[in-house]
Amino acid sequence: MAKNMQPIAKRCKALNISPAAMGYDKKTTNRKPKANVRRKQSEYAMQLQEKQKVKFVYGIMEKQFRSYYEKAARMPGKTGENLLVLVERRLDNAVYRLGFAMTRREARQLVNHGHFTVNGHKVNIPSYLVKVGDVIEVKESSRSSVKFKRFVGEDAIIVNVPQWLEKEKNTLKGTVTKMPAREDIDLPIEEHLIVELYSK
């Protein structure tokens, strides 16, 4: 299986996104930004960068991302918004957004290792698309792991769960209450540029 092994901080800088979008707490706010000496980007370069942003943040390779775009184009509504909703519905992303992993990369690894169930059935496919009513929880045999103990109890790590998900307090269980909307995706993405790129 192909993996994206690019250094997080370096790639975030190149794509002009905050490491926080990746789940990494990099204290860079006190640093003075370097003067931007790059030439003005071409239209193609801007379109490509937006695509690379989404692929990088969600950890998706080109072939799979292209299939998401083609599926989004067949759906009713705006293709760009459909595309973002599709990648947001990935199981590894839902696990991250519920706060069961510190980063999407960690969430993808935990799903791959079979630590999660959807509606009571083990699912180890990170790209599995969750739907309304799906119940996502840590497998019973995995709950004693140090990886998950940090998310329950009085000292549990607190996360802001998006409106399309509902997490049961002090448990390792969450539910998809509705489909994610564009406003639930808090990344600085201009999705119309991705559509323009693929439409050529």
C-alpha atoms as a PDB file:
ATOM      1  CA  MET A   1       0.000   0.000   0.000  1.00  0.00           C
ATOM      2  CA  ALA A   2       1.377   3.426  -0.941  1.00  0.00           C
ATOM      3  CA  LYS A   3       2.244   5.751   1.915  1.00  0.00           C
ATOM      4  CA  ASN A   4       2.908   9.465   2.092  1.00  0.00           C
ATOM      5  CA  MET A   5       6.117   9.793   4.131  1.00  0.00           C
ATOM      6  CA  GLN A   6       6.697  13.510   3.599  1.00  0.00           C
ATOM      7  CA  PRO A   7       7.866  15.512   6.654  1.00  0.00           C
ATOM      8  CA  ILE A   8       4.799  17.193   8.172  1.00  0.00           C
ATOM      9  CA  ALA A   9       6.242  20.614   9.059  1.00  0.00           C
ATOM     10  CA  LYS A  10       8.093  21.036   5.770  1.00  0.00           C
ATOM     11  CA  ARG A  11       5.077  20.021   3.694  1.00  0.00           C
ATOM     12  CA  CYS A  12       2.734  22.274   5.685  1.00  0.00           C
ATOM     13  CA  LYS A  13       5.042  25.210   5.024  1.00  0.00           C
ATOM     14  CA  ALA A  14       5.160  24.445   1.306  1.00  0.00           C
ATOM     15  CA  LEU A  15       1.363  24.234   1.086  1.00  0.00           C
ATOM     16  CA  ASN A  16       0.831  27.255   3.338  1.00  0.00           C
ATOM     17  CA  ILE A  17      -1.287  25.418   5.914  1.00  0.00           C
ATOM     18  CA  SER A  18      -0.998  25.319   9.689  1.00  0.00           C
ATOM     19  CA  PRO A  19       0.408  22.125  11.277  1.00  0.00           C
ATOM     20  CA  ALA A  20      -2.648  22.328  13.553  1.00  0.00           C
ATOM     21  CA  ALA A  21      -4.739  21.247  10.555  1.00  0.00           C
ATOM     22  CA  MET A  22      -2.817  17.992  10.702  1.00  0.00           C
ATOM     23  CA  GLY A  23      -3.316  17.627  14.443  1.00  0.00           C
ATOM     24  CA  TYR A  24       0.214  18.782  15.280  1.00  0.00           C
ATOM     25  CA  ASP A  25       0.752  21.495  17.878  1.00  0.00           C
ATOM     26  CA  LYS A  26       3.665  23.418  16.441  1.00  0.00           C
ATOM     27  CA  LYS A  27       4.438  26.611  18.364  1.00  0.00           C
ATOM     28  CA  THR A  28       5.366  28.758  15.422  1.00  0.00           C
ATOM     29  CA  THR A  29       3.121  31.743  16.115  1.00  0.00           C
ATOM     30  CA  ASN A  30       5.957  33.771  17.639  1.00  0.00           C
ATOM     31  CA  ARG A  31       8.230  33.347  14.673  1.00  0.00           C
ATOM     32  CA  LYS A  32       8.451  36.199  12.231  1.00  0.00           C
ATOM     33  CA  PRO A  33       7.316  35.107   8.784  1.00  0.00           C
ATOM     34  CA  LYS A  34       9.998  35.233   6.157  1.00  0.00           C
ATOM     35  CA  ALA A  35       9.573  37.633   3.311  1.00  0.00           C
ATOM     36  CA  ASN A  36       7.785  36.001   0.419  1.00  0.00           C
ATOM     37  CA  VAL A  37      10.183  36.237  -2.487  1.00  0.00           C
ATOM     38  CA  ARG A  38       8.416  33.726  -4.693  1.00  0.00           C
ATOM     39  CA  ARG A  39       7.060  34.803  -8.019  1.00  0.00           C
ATOM     40  CA  LYS A  40       3.344  35.107  -8.488  1.00  0.00           C
ATOM     41  CA  GLN A  41       1.835  31.651  -8.954  1.00  0.00           C
ATOM     42  CA  SER A  42       0.328  30.667 -12.256  1.00  0.00           C
ATOM     43  CA  GLU A  43      -3.318  29.614 -12.410  1.00  0.00           C
ATOM     44  CA  TYR A  44      -2.256  25.976 -12.807  1.00  0.00           C
ATOM     45  CA  ALA A  45       0.105  26.203  -9.815  1.00  0.00           C
ATOM     46  CA  MET A  46      -2.690  27.540  -7.588  1.00  0.00           C
ATOM     47  CA  GLN A  47      -5.059  24.781  -8.717  1.00  0.00           C
ATOM     48  CA  LEU A  48      -2.431  22.118  -8.144  1.00  0.00           C
ATOM     49  CA  GLN A  49      -1.600  23.459  -4.685  1.00  0.00           C
ATOM     50  CA  GLU A  50      -5.232  23.270  -3.572  1.00  0.00           C
ATOM     51  CA  LYS A  51      -5.415  19.646  -4.705  1.00  0.00           C
ATOM     52  CA  GLN A  52      -2.150  18.832  -2.937  1.00  0.00           C
ATOM     53  CA  LYS A  53      -3.447  20.438   0.265  1.00  0.00           C
ATOM     54  CA  VAL A  54      -6.486  18.165   0.461  1.00  0.00           C
ATOM     55  CA  LYS A  55      -4.511  15.061  -0.496  1.00  0.00           C
ATOM     56  CA  PHE A  56      -1.871  15.833   2.119  1.00  0.00           C
ATOM     57  CA  VAL A  57      -4.227  16.699   4.989  1.00  0.00           C
ATOM     58  CA  TYR A  58      -6.368  13.587   4.489  1.00  0.00           C
ATOM     59  CA  GLY A  59      -3.478  11.331   3.512  1.00  0.00           C
ATOM     60  CA  ILE A  60      -4.877  10.322   0.116  1.00  0.00           C
ATOM     61  CA  MET A  61      -2.867   9.249  -2.903  1.00  0.00           C
ATOM     62  CA  GLU A  62      -3.614  10.498  -6.441  1.00  0.00           C
ATOM     63  CA  LYS A  63      -5.442   7.453  -7.817  1.00  0.00           C
ATOM     64  CA  GLN A  64      -7.901   7.339  -4.925  1.00  0.00           C
ATOM     65  CA  PHE A  65      -8.336  11.110  -4.897  1.00  0.00           C
ATOM     66  CA  ARG A  66      -9.196  11.042  -8.589  1.00  0.00           C
ATOM     67  CA  SER A  67     -11.863   8.417  -7.912  1.00  0.00           C
ATOM     68  CA  TYR A  68     -13.333  10.656  -5.186  1.00  0.00           C
ATOM     69  CA  TYR A  69     -13.484  13.510  -7.684  1.00  0.00           C
ATOM     70  CA  GLU A  70     -15.226  11.370 -10.300  1.00  0.00           C
ATOM     71  CA  LYS A  71     -17.754  10.211  -7.728  1.00  0.00           C
ATOM     72  CA  ALA A  72     -18.313  13.802  -6.556  1.00  0.00           C
ATOM     73  CA  ALA A  73     -18.893  14.916 -10.151  1.00  0.00           C
ATOM     74  CA  ARG A  74     -21.705  12.371 -10.532  1.00  0.00           C
ATOM     75  CA  MET A  75     -23.452  13.504  -7.341  1.00  0.00           C
ATOM     76  CA  PRO A  76     -26.063  16.293  -7.321  1.00  0.00           C
ATOM     77  CA  GLY A  77     -24.864  19.667  -6.084  1.00  0.00           C
ATOM     78  CA  LYS A  78     -21.489  21.392  -6.305  1.00  0.00           C
ATOM     79  CA  THR A  79     -18.684  19.024  -7.272  1.00  0.00           C
ATOM     80  CA  GLY A  80     -16.090  20.762  -5.104  1.00  0.00           C
ATOM     81  CA  GLU A  81     -18.233  20.601  -1.968  1.00  0.00           C
ATOM     82  CA  ASN A  82     -19.188  16.997  -2.724  1.00  0.00           C
ATOM     83  CA  LEU A  83     -15.486  16.147  -2.981  1.00  0.00           C
ATOM     84  CA  LEU A  84     -14.664  17.630   0.416  1.00  0.00           C
ATOM     85  CA  VAL A  85     -17.664  15.920   2.035  1.00  0.00           C
ATOM     86  CA  LEU A  86     -16.554  12.559   0.627  1.00  0.00           C
ATOM     87  CA  VAL A  87     -13.038  12.797   2.054  1.00  0.00           C
ATOM     88  CA  GLU A  88     -14.429  14.100   5.354  1.00  0.00           C
ATOM     89  CA  ARG A  89     -16.579  10.953   5.604  1.00  0.00           C
ATOM     90  CA  ARG A  90     -13.561   8.629   5.589  1.00  0.00           C
ATOM     91  CA  LEU A  91     -13.458   6.407   8.675  1.00  0.00           C
ATOM     92  CA  ASP A  92      -9.920   7.450   9.599  1.00  0.00           C
ATOM     93  CA  ASN A  93     -10.994  11.101   9.496  1.00  0.00           C
ATOM     94  CA  ALA A  94     -14.125  10.387  11.572  1.00  0.00           C
ATOM     95  CA  VAL A  95     -11.950   8.618  14.166  1.00  0.00           C
ATOM     96  CA  TYR A  96      -9.652  11.663  14.279  1.00  0.00           C
ATOM     97  CA  ARG A  97     -12.546  14.128  14.444  1.00  0.00           C
ATOM     98  CA  LEU A  98     -14.132  12.176  17.316  1.00  0.00           C
ATOM     99  CA  GLY A  99     -10.881  12.592  19.224  1.00  0.00           C
ATOM    100  CA  PHE A 100      -9.854   8.929  19.296  1.00  0.00           C
ATOM    101  CA  ALA A 101      -6.478   9.777  17.723  1.00  0.00           C
ATOM    102  CA  MET A 102      -4.203  12.806  17.911  1.00  0.00           C
ATOM    103  CA  THR A 103      -3.630  13.040  14.158  1.00  0.00           C
ATOM    104  CA  ARG A 104      -5.189  11.646  10.991  1.00  0.00           C
ATOM    105  CA  ARG A 105      -2.041   9.614  10.390  1.00  0.00           C
ATOM    106  CA  GLU A 106      -2.419   7.979  13.799  1.00  0.00           C
ATOM    107  CA  ALA A 107      -6.131   7.405  13.134  1.00  0.00           C
ATOM    108  CA  ARG A 108      -5.343   5.713   9.824  1.00  0.00           C
ATOM    109  CA  GLN A 109      -2.838   3.415  11.528  1.00  0.00           C
ATOM    110  CA  LEU A 110      -5.261   2.533  14.339  1.00  0.00           C
ATOM    111  CA  VAL A 111      -8.014   1.712  11.841  1.00  0.00           C
ATOM    112  CA  ASN A 112      -5.582  -0.396   9.801  1.00  0.00           C
ATOM    113  CA  HIS A 113      -4.714  -2.369  12.920  1.00  0.00           C
ATOM    114  CA  GLY A 114      -8.365  -3.213  13.521  1.00  0.00           C
ATOM    115  CA  HIS A 115      -9.010  -1.203  16.699  1.00  0.00           C
ATOM    116  CA  PHE A 116     -12.427   0.110  15.604  1.00  0.00           C
ATOM    117  CA  THR A 117     -15.890  -1.228  14.896  1.00  0.00           C
ATOM    118  CA  VAL A 118     -18.687   0.337  12.888  1.00  0.00           C
ATOM    119  CA  ASN A 119     -22.150  -0.791  13.993  1.00  0.00           C
ATOM    120  CA  GLY A 120     -20.530  -3.606  15.951  1.00  0.00           C
ATOM    121  CA  HIS A 121     -18.464  -4.977  13.059  1.00  0.00           C
ATOM    122  CA  LYS A 122     -14.692  -4.573  12.838  1.00  0.00           C
ATOM    123  CA  VAL A 123     -13.648  -2.307   9.978  1.00  0.00           C
ATOM    124  CA  ASN A 124      -9.958  -1.959   9.137  1.00  0.00           C
ATOM    125  CA  ILE A 125     -10.317   0.069   5.947  1.00  0.00           C
ATOM    126  CA  PRO A 126      -9.389   3.751   6.531  1.00  0.00           C
ATOM    127  CA  SER A 127     -11.212   4.857   3.355  1.00  0.00           C
ATOM    128  CA  TYR A 128     -14.519   3.304   4.476  1.00  0.00           C
ATOM    129  CA  LEU A 129     -17.172   6.016   4.048  1.00  0.00           C
ATOM    130  CA  VAL A 130     -19.329   6.457   7.129  1.00  0.00           C
ATOM    131  CA  LYS A 131     -23.017   7.306   6.800  1.00  0.00           C
ATOM    132  CA  VAL A 132     -25.786   8.706   8.986  1.00  0.00           C
ATOM    133  CA  GLY A 133     -26.562   6.413  11.900  1.00  0.00           C
ATOM    134  CA  ASP A 134     -23.191   4.645  11.924  1.00  0.00           C
ATOM    135  CA  VAL A 135     -21.853   3.998  15.424  1.00  0.00           C
ATOM    136  CA  ILE A 136     -18.064   4.124  15.629  1.00  0.00           C
ATOM    137  CA  GLU A 137     -16.350   2.767  18.712  1.00  0.00           C
ATOM    138  CA  VAL A 138     -13.095   1.362  19.952  1.00  0.00           C
ATOM    139  CA  LYS A 139     -13.129  -2.427  19.940  1.00  0.00           C
ATOM    140  CA  GLU A 140     -13.712  -3.924  23.394  1.00  0.00           C
ATOM    141  CA  SER A 141     -10.346  -5.704  23.443  1.00  0.00           C
ATOM    142  CA  SER A 142      -8.504  -2.485  22.565  1.00  0.00           C
ATOM    143  CA  ARG A 143      -9.963  -0.211  25.256  1.00  0.00           C
ATOM    144  CA  SER A 144      -7.368  -1.063  27.883  1.00  0.00           C
ATOM    145  CA  SER A 145      -4.581   0.131  25.574  1.00  0.00           C
ATOM    146  CA  VAL A 146      -2.651   3.228  26.654  1.00  0.00           C
ATOM    147  CA  LYS A 147      -3.501   4.698  23.239  1.00  0.00           C
ATOM    148  CA  PHE A 148      -7.161   4.955  24.253  1.00  0.00           C
ATOM    149  CA  LYS A 149      -7.037   5.390  28.032  1.00  0.00           C
ATOM    150  CA  ARG A 150      -5.929   8.982  27.511  1.00  0.00           C
ATOM    151  CA  PHE A 151      -9.324   9.783  25.974  1.00  0.00           C
ATOM    152  CA  VAL A 152     -11.470   8.752  28.968  1.00  0.00           C
ATOM    153  CA  GLY A 153     -11.563   9.640  32.666  1.00  0.00           C
ATOM    154  CA  GLU A 154     -11.171  12.912  34.530  1.00  0.00           C
ATOM    155  CA  ASP A 155      -7.928  13.794  32.752  1.00  0.00           C
ATOM    156  CA  ALA A 156      -9.243  12.931  29.297  1.00  0.00           C
ATOM    157  CA  ILE A 157      -8.040  15.000  26.361  1.00  0.00           C
ATOM    158  CA  ILE A 158     -10.831  17.367  25.286  1.00  0.00           C
ATOM    159  CA  VAL A 159     -11.559  17.806  21.583  1.00  0.00           C
ATOM    160  CA  ASN A 160     -14.048  19.890  19.639  1.00  0.00           C
ATOM    161  CA  VAL A 161     -16.240  17.397  17.814  1.00  0.00           C
ATOM    162  CA  PRO A 162     -17.847  18.734  14.604  1.00  0.00           C
ATOM    163  CA  GLN A 163     -21.622  19.018  14.393  1.00  0.00           C
ATOM    164  CA  TRP A 164     -22.030  16.015  12.109  1.00  0.00           C
ATOM    165  CA  LEU A 165     -20.678  13.718  14.812  1.00  0.00           C
ATOM    166  CA  GLU A 166     -21.783  13.061  18.377  1.00  0.00           C
ATOM    167  CA  LYS A 167     -19.440  11.628  20.987  1.00  0.00           C
ATOM    168  CA  GLU A 168     -20.812  10.012  24.125  1.00  0.00           C
ATOM    169  CA  LYS A 169     -19.248  11.662  27.157  1.00  0.00           C
ATOM    170  CA  ASN A 170     -16.378   9.773  28.767  1.00  0.00           C
ATOM    171  CA  THR A 171     -16.714   6.833  26.371  1.00  0.00           C
ATOM    172  CA  LEU A 172     -14.892   5.564  23.309  1.00  0.00           C
ATOM    173  CA  LYS A 173     -18.010   5.703  21.194  1.00  0.00           C
ATOM    174  CA  GLY A 174     -19.394   8.156  18.669  1.00  0.00           C
ATOM    175  CA  THR A 175     -22.259   8.389  16.186  1.00  0.00           C
ATOM    176  CA  VAL A 176     -22.649   9.966  12.761  1.00  0.00           C
ATOM    177  CA  THR A 177     -25.748  12.120  13.267  1.00  0.00           C
ATOM    178  CA  LYS A 178     -25.809  13.753   9.815  1.00  0.00           C
ATOM    179  CA  MET A 179     -23.742  14.159   6.691  1.00  0.00           C
ATOM    180  CA  PRO A 180     -20.903  16.682   7.050  1.00  0.00           C
ATOM    181  CA  ALA A 181     -21.579  20.067   5.459  1.00  0.00           C
ATOM    182  CA  ARG A 182     -19.058  22.398   3.827  1.00  0.00           C
ATOM    183  CA  GLU A 183     -19.008  24.624   6.914  1.00  0.00           C
ATOM    184  CA  ASP A 184     -17.933  21.641   9.046  1.00  0.00           C
ATOM    185  CA  ILE A 185     -14.664  21.438   7.122  1.00  0.00           C
ATOM    186  CA  ASP A 186     -12.417  24.033   8.717  1.00  0.00           C
ATOM    187  CA  LEU A 187      -9.556  23.870   6.248  1.00  0.00           C
ATOM    188  CA  PRO A 188      -8.543  26.871   4.115  1.00  0.00           C
ATOM    189  CA  ILE A 189      -9.426  25.171   0.840  1.00  0.00           C
ATOM    190  CA  GLU A 190     -10.683  26.763  -2.370  1.00  0.00           C
ATOM    191  CA  GLU A 191     -12.268  23.644  -3.778  1.00  0.00           C
ATOM    192  CA  HIS A 192     -13.383  25.303  -7.014  1.00  0.00           C
ATOM    193  CA  LEU A 193      -9.724  25.392  -8.051  1.00  0.00           C
ATOM    194  CA  ILE A 194      -9.529  21.592  -7.754  1.00  0.00           C
ATOM    195  CA  VAL A 195     -12.614  21.260  -9.938  1.00  0.00           C
ATOM    196  CA  GLU A 196     -11.074  23.582 -12.513  1.00  0.00           C
ATOM    197  CA  LEU A 197      -7.885  21.504 -12.516  1.00  0.00           C
ATOM    198  CA  TYR A 198      -9.664  18.210 -13.135  1.00  0.00           C
ATOM    199  CA  SER A 199     -12.057  19.763 -15.650  1.00  0.00           C
ATOM    200  CA  LYS A 200      -9.276  20.606 -18.099  1.00  0.00           C
END
